[in-house]
Amino acid sequence: MSTKTIVAIGITLLLTIVLMQNTDKVDFAFLWANFRISKLVMMAVVSVFSFILGVLAGRPKSAKRFDDENLDNRFGKGNTNTLSEEDKDYIS
């Protein structure tokens, strides 16, 4: 097993233990609503929501693709005479 798998199993195990120890009902206020809900349910909802946000935040952005002609024009590769006269004098 890889280290990543072992860490994932360990975190899942710890999360399960914490959830099972907190099954009593508590008062919960959300915006204008007040209700009694199990700590287990609330912690599970927060855990799932946090996981989804983490996956969305950790996704790599899609790379923008340019065709070769566009890149050549954009970075001046099509024009080989991009040096000023002063630069040419400095180089030679």
PDB file of N, CA and C in Angstrom:
ATOM      1  N   MET A   1       0.825  -1.171   0.000  1.00  0.00           N
ATOM      2  CA  MET A   1       0.000   0.000   0.000  1.00  0.00           C
ATOM      3  C   MET A   1       0.875   1.243   0.000  1.00  0.00           C
ATOM      4  N   SER A   2       0.425   2.255  -0.706  1.00  0.00           N
ATOM      5  CA  SER A   2       1.200   3.494  -0.754  1.00  0.00           C
ATOM      6  C   SER A   2       0.926   4.340   0.491  1.00  0.00           C
ATOM      7  N   THR A   3       1.786   5.286   0.717  1.00  0.00           N
ATOM      8  CA  THR A   3       1.646   6.183   1.871  1.00  0.00           C
ATOM      9  C   THR A   3       0.353   6.976   1.769  1.00  0.00           C
ATOM     10  N   LYS A   4       0.015   7.403   0.569  1.00  0.00           N
ATOM     11  CA  LYS A   4      -1.209   8.181   0.355  1.00  0.00           C
ATOM     12  C   LYS A   4      -2.445   7.376   0.760  1.00  0.00           C
ATOM     13  N   THR A   5      -2.474   6.104   0.433  1.00  0.00           N
ATOM     14  CA  THR A   5      -3.599   5.241   0.790  1.00  0.00           C
ATOM     15  C   THR A   5      -3.687   5.056   2.295  1.00  0.00           C
ATOM     16  N   ILE A   6      -2.554   4.848   2.940  1.00  0.00           N
ATOM     17  CA  ILE A   6      -2.535   4.663   4.391  1.00  0.00           C
ATOM     18  C   ILE A   6      -3.022   5.921   5.097  1.00  0.00           C
ATOM     19  N   VAL A   7      -2.580   7.092   4.636  1.00  0.00           N
ATOM     20  CA  VAL A   7      -3.028   8.354   5.229  1.00  0.00           C
ATOM     21  C   VAL A   7      -4.526   8.540   5.031  1.00  0.00           C
ATOM     22  N   ALA A   8      -5.026   8.231   3.842  1.00  0.00           N
ATOM     23  CA  ALA A   8      -6.461   8.360   3.572  1.00  0.00           C
ATOM     24  C   ALA A   8      -7.275   7.431   4.472  1.00  0.00           C
ATOM     25  N   ILE A   9      -6.820   6.213   4.665  1.00  0.00           N
ATOM     26  CA  ILE A   9      -7.518   5.267   5.545  1.00  0.00           C
ATOM     27  C   ILE A   9      -7.471   5.769   6.987  1.00  0.00           C
ATOM     28  N   GLY A  10      -6.338   6.278   7.430  1.00  0.00           N
ATOM     29  CA  GLY A  10      -6.203   6.802   8.788  1.00  0.00           C
ATOM     30  C   GLY A  10      -7.127   7.988   9.048  1.00  0.00           C
ATOM     31  N   ILE A  11      -7.189   8.922   8.101  1.00  0.00           N
ATOM     32  CA  ILE A  11      -8.078  10.079   8.254  1.00  0.00           C
ATOM     33  C   ILE A  11      -9.535   9.632   8.272  1.00  0.00           C
ATOM     34  N   THR A  12      -9.891   8.705   7.413  1.00  0.00           N
ATOM     35  CA  THR A  12     -11.264   8.186   7.391  1.00  0.00           C
ATOM     36  C   THR A  12     -11.608   7.500   8.697  1.00  0.00           C
ATOM     37  N   LEU A  13     -10.692   6.726   9.227  1.00  0.00           N
ATOM     38  CA  LEU A  13     -10.908   6.044  10.496  1.00  0.00           C
ATOM     39  C   LEU A  13     -11.096   7.042  11.638  1.00  0.00           C
ATOM     40  N   LEU A  14     -10.235   8.048  11.714  1.00  0.00           N
ATOM     41  CA  LEU A  14     -10.365   9.070  12.750  1.00  0.00           C
ATOM     42  C   LEU A  14     -11.675   9.851  12.614  1.00  0.00           C
ATOM     43  N   LEU A  15     -12.049  10.192  11.400  1.00  0.00           N
ATOM     44  CA  LEU A  15     -13.309  10.902  11.168  1.00  0.00           C
ATOM     45  C   LEU A  15     -14.495  10.055  11.605  1.00  0.00           C
ATOM     46  N   THR A  16     -14.460   8.772  11.310  1.00  0.00           N
ATOM     47  CA  THR A  16     -15.542   7.873  11.722  1.00  0.00           C
ATOM     48  C   THR A  16     -15.638   7.786  13.241  1.00  0.00           C
ATOM     49  N   ILE A  17     -14.519   7.698  13.920  1.00  0.00           N
ATOM     50  CA  ILE A  17     -14.524   7.627  15.392  1.00  0.00           C
ATOM     51  C   ILE A  17     -15.120   8.907  15.978  1.00  0.00           C
ATOM     52  N   VAL A  18     -14.691  10.057  15.473  1.00  0.00           N
ATOM     53  CA  VAL A  18     -15.210  11.333  15.973  1.00  0.00           C
ATOM     54  C   VAL A  18     -16.710  11.442  15.717  1.00  0.00           C
ATOM     55  N   LEU A  19     -17.150  11.033  14.557  1.00  0.00           N
ATOM     56  CA  LEU A  19     -18.584  11.100  14.239  1.00  0.00           C
ATOM     57  C   LEU A  19     -19.399  10.201  15.162  1.00  0.00           C
ATOM     58  N   MET A  20     -18.908   9.012  15.442  1.00  0.00           N
ATOM     59  CA  MET A  20     -19.657   8.073  16.285  1.00  0.00           C
ATOM     60  C   MET A  20     -19.702   8.521  17.747  1.00  0.00           C
ATOM     61  N   GLN A  21     -18.745   9.309  18.190  1.00  0.00           N
ATOM     62  CA  GLN A  21     -18.741   9.793  19.567  1.00  0.00           C
ATOM     63  C   GLN A  21     -19.665  10.986  19.765  1.00  0.00           C
ATOM     64  N   ASN A  22     -20.146  11.582  18.701  1.00  0.00           N
ATOM     65  CA  ASN A  22     -20.960  12.790  18.790  1.00  0.00           C
ATOM     66  C   ASN A  22     -22.343  12.560  18.179  1.00  0.00           C
ATOM     67  N   THR A  23     -23.148  11.732  18.847  1.00  0.00           N
ATOM     68  CA  THR A  23     -24.463  11.409  18.305  1.00  0.00           C
ATOM     69  C   THR A  23     -25.601  12.128  19.022  1.00  0.00           C
ATOM     70  N   ASP A  24     -25.317  12.910  20.062  1.00  0.00           N
ATOM     71  CA  ASP A  24     -26.394  13.583  20.787  1.00  0.00           C
ATOM     72  C   ASP A  24     -26.958  14.742  19.968  1.00  0.00           C
ATOM     73  N   LYS A  25     -28.180  15.152  20.309  1.00  0.00           N
ATOM     74  CA  LYS A  25     -28.862  16.223  19.582  1.00  0.00           C
ATOM     75  C   LYS A  25     -28.470  17.571  20.171  1.00  0.00           C
ATOM     76  N   VAL A  26     -28.312  18.552  19.294  1.00  0.00           N
ATOM     77  CA  VAL A  26     -27.980  19.910  19.714  1.00  0.00           C
ATOM     78  C   VAL A  26     -28.866  20.900  18.964  1.00  0.00           C
ATOM     79  N   ASP A  27     -29.027  22.096  19.558  1.00  0.00           N
ATOM     80  CA  ASP A  27     -29.746  23.162  18.861  1.00  0.00           C
ATOM     81  C   ASP A  27     -28.812  23.770  17.829  1.00  0.00           C
ATOM     82  N   PHE A  28     -29.348  23.980  16.647  1.00  0.00           N
ATOM     83  CA  PHE A  28     -28.552  24.525  15.556  1.00  0.00           C
ATOM     84  C   PHE A  28     -29.328  25.670  14.927  1.00  0.00           C
ATOM     85  N   ALA A  29     -28.664  26.794  14.745  1.00  0.00           N
ATOM     86  CA  ALA A  29     -29.289  27.958  14.108  1.00  0.00           C
ATOM     87  C   ALA A  29     -28.615  28.192  12.764  1.00  0.00           C
ATOM     88  N   PHE A  30     -29.420  28.232  11.731  1.00  0.00           N
ATOM     89  CA  PHE A  30     -28.919  28.501  10.387  1.00  0.00           C
ATOM     90  C   PHE A  30     -29.759  29.612   9.783  1.00  0.00           C
ATOM     91  N   LEU A  31     -29.144  30.768   9.627  1.00  0.00           N
ATOM     92  CA  LEU A  31     -29.826  31.972   9.166  1.00  0.00           C
ATOM     93  C   LEU A  31     -31.022  32.256  10.070  1.00  0.00           C
ATOM     94  N   TRP A  32     -32.236  32.118   9.576  1.00  0.00           N
ATOM     95  CA  TRP A  32     -33.414  32.416  10.386  1.00  0.00           C
ATOM     96  C   TRP A  32     -34.055  31.163  10.980  1.00  0.00           C
ATOM     97  N   ALA A  33     -33.541  29.997  10.674  1.00  0.00           N
ATOM     98  CA  ALA A  33     -34.151  28.749  11.144  1.00  0.00           C
ATOM     99  C   ALA A  33     -33.379  28.194  12.348  1.00  0.00           C
ATOM    100  N   ASN A  34     -34.123  27.748  13.349  1.00  0.00           N
ATOM    101  CA  ASN A  34     -33.545  27.064  14.508  1.00  0.00           C
ATOM    102  C   ASN A  34     -34.123  25.655  14.555  1.00  0.00           C
ATOM    103  N   PHE A  35     -33.263  24.671  14.711  1.00  0.00           N
ATOM    104  CA  PHE A  35     -33.751  23.296  14.783  1.00  0.00           C
ATOM    105  C   PHE A  35     -32.778  22.441  15.570  1.00  0.00           C
ATOM    106  N   ARG A  36     -33.269  21.301  16.038  1.00  0.00           N
ATOM    107  CA  ARG A  36     -32.437  20.321  16.742  1.00  0.00           C
ATOM    108  C   ARG A  36     -31.983  19.281  15.736  1.00  0.00           C
ATOM    109  N   ILE A  37     -30.695  19.036  15.758  1.00  0.00           N
ATOM    110  CA  ILE A  37     -30.138  18.074  14.812  1.00  0.00           C
ATOM    111  C   ILE A  37     -29.006  17.324  15.513  1.00  0.00           C
ATOM    112  N   SER A  38     -28.785  16.127  15.105  1.00  0.00           N
ATOM    113  CA  SER A  38     -27.708  15.314  15.658  1.00  0.00           C
ATOM    114  C   SER A  38     -26.351  15.889  15.243  1.00  0.00           C
ATOM    115  N   LYS A  39     -25.417  15.888  16.168  1.00  0.00           N
ATOM    116  CA  LYS A  39     -24.061  16.328  15.836  1.00  0.00           C
ATOM    117  C   LYS A  39     -23.489  15.453  14.726  1.00  0.00           C
ATOM    118  N   LEU A  40     -23.840  14.177  14.756  1.00  0.00           N
ATOM    119  CA  LEU A  40     -23.361  13.240  13.745  1.00  0.00           C
ATOM    120  C   LEU A  40     -23.748  13.706  12.350  1.00  0.00           C
ATOM    121  N   VAL A  41     -25.008  14.066  12.181  1.00  0.00           N
ATOM    122  CA  VAL A  41     -25.488  14.498  10.867  1.00  0.00           C
ATOM    123  C   VAL A  41     -24.808  15.795  10.456  1.00  0.00           C
ATOM    124  N   MET A  42     -24.729  16.751  11.382  1.00  0.00           N
ATOM    125  CA  MET A  42     -24.126  18.040  11.047  1.00  0.00           C
ATOM    126  C   MET A  42     -22.653  17.900  10.694  1.00  0.00           C
ATOM    127  N   MET A  43     -21.924  17.105  11.456  1.00  0.00           N
ATOM    128  CA  MET A  43     -20.504  16.921  11.165  1.00  0.00           C
ATOM    129  C   MET A  43     -20.305  16.176   9.844  1.00  0.00           C
ATOM    130  N   ALA A  44     -21.180  15.233   9.542  1.00  0.00           N
ATOM    131  CA  ALA A  44     -21.089  14.513   8.264  1.00  0.00           C
ATOM    132  C   ALA A  44     -21.357  15.458   7.095  1.00  0.00           C
ATOM    133  N   VAL A  45     -22.360  16.326   7.248  1.00  0.00           N
ATOM    134  CA  VAL A  45     -22.682  17.291   6.183  1.00  0.00           C
ATOM    135  C   VAL A  45     -21.511  18.243   5.958  1.00  0.00           C
ATOM    136  N   VAL A  46     -20.932  18.743   7.039  1.00  0.00           N
ATOM    137  CA  VAL A  46     -19.795  19.651   6.923  1.00  0.00           C
ATOM    138  C   VAL A  46     -18.597  18.929   6.304  1.00  0.00           C
ATOM    139  N   SER A  47     -18.369  17.691   6.675  1.00  0.00           N
ATOM    140  CA  SER A  47     -17.248  16.926   6.115  1.00  0.00           C
ATOM    141  C   SER A  47     -17.414  16.712   4.617  1.00  0.00           C
ATOM    142  N   VAL A  48     -18.606  16.337   4.192  1.00  0.00           N
ATOM    143  CA  VAL A  48     -18.858  16.102   2.764  1.00  0.00           C
ATOM    144  C   VAL A  48     -18.721  17.412   1.990  1.00  0.00           C
ATOM    145  N   PHE A  49     -19.298  18.491   2.527  1.00  0.00           N
ATOM    146  CA  PHE A  49     -19.214  19.793   1.873  1.00  0.00           C
ATOM    147  C   PHE A  49     -17.752  20.246   1.756  1.00  0.00           C
ATOM    148  N   SER A  50     -16.968  20.051   2.808  1.00  0.00           N
ATOM    149  CA  SER A  50     -15.559  20.427   2.798  1.00  0.00           C
ATOM    150  C   SER A  50     -14.771  19.600   1.785  1.00  0.00           C
ATOM    151  N   PHE A  51     -15.084  18.310   1.698  1.00  0.00           N
ATOM    152  CA  PHE A  51     -14.409  17.448   0.728  1.00  0.00           C
ATOM    153  C   PHE A  51     -14.688  17.924  -0.697  1.00  0.00           C
ATOM    154  N   ILE A  52     -15.949  18.238  -0.976  1.00  0.00           N
ATOM    155  CA  ILE A  52     -16.321  18.712  -2.324  1.00  0.00           C
ATOM    156  C   ILE A  52     -15.606  20.016  -2.642  1.00  0.00           C
ATOM    157  N   LEU A  53     -15.568  20.950  -1.697  1.00  0.00           N
ATOM    158  CA  LEU A  53     -14.852  22.206  -1.923  1.00  0.00           C
ATOM    159  C   LEU A  53     -13.359  21.970  -2.144  1.00  0.00           C
ATOM    160  N   GLY A  54     -12.779  21.040  -1.393  1.00  0.00           N
ATOM    161  CA  GLY A  54     -11.367  20.723  -1.561  1.00  0.00           C
ATOM    162  C   GLY A  54     -11.069  20.139  -2.923  1.00  0.00           C
ATOM    163  N   VAL A  55     -11.938  19.275  -3.413  1.00  0.00           N
ATOM    164  CA  VAL A  55     -11.749  18.686  -4.739  1.00  0.00           C
ATOM    165  C   VAL A  55     -11.862  19.766  -5.811  1.00  0.00           C
ATOM    166  N   LEU A  56     -12.855  20.632  -5.680  1.00  0.00           N
ATOM    167  CA  LEU A  56     -13.031  21.697  -6.666  1.00  0.00           C
ATOM    168  C   LEU A  56     -11.870  22.685  -6.638  1.00  0.00           C
ATOM    169  N   ALA A  57     -11.370  23.006  -5.460  1.00  0.00           N
ATOM    170  CA  ALA A  57     -10.260  23.952  -5.348  1.00  0.00           C
ATOM    171  C   ALA A  57      -8.947  23.334  -5.822  1.00  0.00           C
ATOM    172  N   GLY A  58      -8.793  22.037  -5.691  1.00  0.00           N
ATOM    173  CA  GLY A  58      -7.545  21.377  -6.056  1.00  0.00           C
ATOM    174  C   GLY A  58      -7.460  20.921  -7.491  1.00  0.00           C
ATOM    175  N   ARG A  59      -8.545  21.061  -8.232  1.00  0.00           N
ATOM    176  CA  ARG A  59      -8.533  20.656  -9.631  1.00  0.00           C
ATOM    177  C   ARG A  59      -7.605  21.535 -10.445  1.00  0.00           C
ATOM    178  N   PRO A  60      -6.838  20.954 -11.340  1.00  0.00           N
ATOM    179  CA  PRO A  60      -5.999  21.801 -12.196  1.00  0.00           C
ATOM    180  C   PRO A  60      -6.868  22.558 -13.194  1.00  0.00           C
ATOM    181  N   LYS A  61      -6.455  23.776 -13.471  1.00  0.00           N
ATOM    182  CA  LYS A  61      -7.195  24.582 -14.448  1.00  0.00           C
ATOM    183  C   LYS A  61      -6.925  24.043 -15.838  1.00  0.00           C
ATOM    184  N   SER A  62      -7.877  24.214 -16.723  1.00  0.00           N
ATOM    185  CA  SER A  62      -7.669  23.742 -18.086  1.00  0.00           C
ATOM    186  C   SER A  62      -6.665  24.659 -18.779  1.00  0.00           C
ATOM    187  N   ALA A  63      -5.763  24.055 -19.494  1.00  0.00           N
ATOM    188  CA  ALA A  63      -4.720  24.805 -20.182  1.00  0.00           C
ATOM    189  C   ALA A  63      -5.278  25.431 -21.454  1.00  0.00           C
ATOM    190  N   LYS A  64      -4.878  26.672 -21.708  1.00  0.00           N
ATOM    191  CA  LYS A  64      -5.293  27.327 -22.945  1.00  0.00           C
ATOM    192  C   LYS A  64      -4.367  26.860 -24.059  1.00  0.00           C
ATOM    193  N   ARG A  65      -4.942  26.515 -25.161  1.00  0.00           N
ATOM    194  CA  ARG A  65      -4.173  26.015 -26.294  1.00  0.00           C
ATOM    195  C   ARG A  65      -4.098  27.095 -27.371  1.00  0.00           C
ATOM    196  N   PHE A  66      -2.903  27.284 -27.917  1.00  0.00           N
ATOM    197  CA  PHE A  66      -2.694  28.214 -29.011  1.00  0.00           C
ATOM    198  C   PHE A  66      -2.095  27.434 -30.170  1.00  0.00           C
ATOM    199  N   ASP A  67      -2.477  27.813 -31.370  1.00  0.00           N
ATOM    200  CA  ASP A  67      -1.825  27.187 -32.505  1.00  0.00           C
ATOM    201  C   ASP A  67      -0.440  27.822 -32.675  1.00  0.00           C
ATOM    202  N   ASP A  68       0.440  27.146 -33.384  1.00  0.00           N
ATOM    203  CA  ASP A  68       1.824  27.592 -33.515  1.00  0.00           C
ATOM    204  C   ASP A  68       1.925  28.966 -34.170  1.00  0.00           C
ATOM    205  N   GLU A  69       1.084  29.226 -35.155  1.00  0.00           N
ATOM    206  CA  GLU A  69       1.136  30.513 -35.847  1.00  0.00           C
ATOM    207  C   GLU A  69       0.792  31.652 -34.887  1.00  0.00           C
ATOM    208  N   ASN A  70      -0.201  31.435 -34.039  1.00  0.00           N
ATOM    209  CA  ASN A  70      -0.600  32.446 -33.076  1.00  0.00           C
ATOM    210  C   ASN A  70       0.529  32.716 -32.079  1.00  0.00           C
ATOM    211  N   LEU A  71       1.213  31.677 -31.638  1.00  0.00           N
ATOM    212  CA  LEU A  71       2.329  31.849 -30.706  1.00  0.00           C
ATOM    213  C   LEU A  71       3.486  32.583 -31.363  1.00  0.00           C
ATOM    214  N   ASP A  72       3.779  32.255 -32.613  1.00  0.00           N
ATOM    215  CA  ASP A  72       4.870  32.922 -33.312  1.00  0.00           C
ATOM    216  C   ASP A  72       4.591  34.413 -33.444  1.00  0.00           C
ATOM    217  N   ASN A  73       3.381  34.757 -33.793  1.00  0.00           N
ATOM    218  CA  ASN A  73       3.022  36.173 -33.933  1.00  0.00           C
ATOM    219  C   ASN A  73       2.995  36.871 -32.582  1.00  0.00           C
ATOM    220  N   ARG A  74       2.550  36.175 -31.572  1.00  0.00           N
ATOM    221  CA  ARG A  74       2.404  36.778 -30.252  1.00  0.00           C
ATOM    222  C   ARG A  74       3.758  37.098 -29.630  1.00  0.00           C
ATOM    223  N   PHE A  75       4.731  36.238 -29.807  1.00  0.00           N
ATOM    224  CA  PHE A  75       6.029  36.429 -29.190  1.00  0.00           C
ATOM    225  C   PHE A  75       7.095  36.925 -30.179  1.00  0.00           C
ATOM    226  N   GLY A  76       6.696  37.324 -31.347  1.00  0.00           N
ATOM    227  CA  GLY A  76       7.630  37.931 -32.290  1.00  0.00           C
ATOM    228  C   GLY A  76       8.584  36.968 -32.948  1.00  0.00           C
ATOM    229  N   LYS A  77       8.270  35.686 -33.000  1.00  0.00           N
ATOM    230  CA  LYS A  77       9.181  34.722 -33.603  1.00  0.00           C
ATOM    231  C   LYS A  77       9.145  34.788 -35.126  1.00  0.00           C
ATOM    232  N   GLY A  78       8.053  35.295 -35.671  1.00  0.00           N
ATOM    233  CA  GLY A  78       7.963  35.409 -37.123  1.00  0.00           C
ATOM    234  C   GLY A  78       8.852  36.517 -37.650  1.00  0.00           C
ATOM    235  N   ASN A  79       9.101  37.548 -36.837  1.00  0.00           N
ATOM    236  CA  ASN A  79       9.919  38.683 -37.243  1.00  0.00           C
ATOM    237  C   ASN A  79      11.282  38.559 -36.578  1.00  0.00           C
ATOM    238  N   THR A  80      12.310  38.322 -37.378  1.00  0.00           N
ATOM    239  CA  THR A  80      13.649  38.126 -36.812  1.00  0.00           C
ATOM    240  C   THR A  80      14.356  39.451 -36.567  1.00  0.00           C
ATOM    241  N   ASN A  81      13.820  40.542 -37.064  1.00  0.00           N
ATOM    242  CA  ASN A  81      14.454  41.851 -36.923  1.00  0.00           C
ATOM    243  C   ASN A  81      13.752  42.638 -35.809  1.00  0.00           C
ATOM    244  N   THR A  82      13.853  42.152 -34.574  1.00  0.00           N
ATOM    245  CA  THR A  82      13.171  42.806 -33.470  1.00  0.00           C
ATOM    246  C   THR A  82      14.096  43.669 -32.630  1.00  0.00           C
ATOM    247  N   LEU A  83      15.395  43.671 -32.920  1.00  0.00           N
ATOM    248  CA  LEU A  83      16.342  44.463 -32.151  1.00  0.00           C
ATOM    249  C   LEU A  83      16.410  45.885 -32.690  1.00  0.00           C
ATOM    250  N   SER A  84      16.534  46.817 -31.782  1.00  0.00           N
ATOM    251  CA  SER A  84      16.728  48.204 -32.208  1.00  0.00           C
ATOM    252  C   SER A  84      18.173  48.377 -32.666  1.00  0.00           C
ATOM    253  N   GLU A  85      18.445  49.499 -33.321  1.00  0.00           N
ATOM    254  CA  GLU A  85      19.810  49.764 -33.798  1.00  0.00           C
ATOM    255  C   GLU A  85      20.775  49.872 -32.624  1.00  0.00           C
ATOM    256  N   GLU A  86      20.303  50.463 -31.533  1.00  0.00           N
ATOM    257  CA  GLU A  86      21.143  50.601 -30.349  1.00  0.00           C
ATOM    258  C   GLU A  86      21.518  49.237 -29.782  1.00  0.00           C
ATOM    259  N   ASP A  87      20.546  48.308 -29.755  1.00  0.00           N
ATOM    260  CA  ASP A  87      20.833  46.965 -29.273  1.00  0.00           C
ATOM    261  C   ASP A  87      21.804  46.230 -30.182  1.00  0.00           C
ATOM    262  N   LYS A  88      21.628  46.400 -31.486  1.00  0.00           N
ATOM    263  CA  LYS A  88      22.538  45.760 -32.431  1.00  0.00           C
ATOM    264  C   LYS A  88      23.956  46.275 -32.251  1.00  0.00           C
ATOM    265  N   ASP A  89      24.118  47.590 -32.023  1.00  0.00           N
ATOM    266  CA  ASP A  89      25.443  48.155 -31.792  1.00  0.00           C
ATOM    267  C   ASP A  89      26.055  47.618 -30.508  1.00  0.00           C
ATOM    268  N   TYR A  90      25.226  47.454 -29.484  1.00  0.00           N
ATOM    269  CA  TYR A  90      25.719  46.952 -28.198  1.00  0.00           C
ATOM    270  C   TYR A  90      26.207  45.517 -28.308  1.00  0.00           C
ATOM    271  N   ILE A  91      25.482  44.698 -29.052  1.00  0.00           N
ATOM    272  CA  ILE A  91      25.827  43.287 -29.201  1.00  0.00           C
ATOM    273  C   ILE A  91      27.103  43.119 -30.016  1.00  0.00           C
ATOM    274  N   SER A  92      27.264  43.876 -31.072  1.00  0.00           N
ATOM    275  CA  SER A  92      28.431  43.672 -31.951  1.00  0.00           C
ATOM    276  C   SER A  92      29.666  44.383 -31.486  1.00  0.00           C
TER     277      SER A  92
END
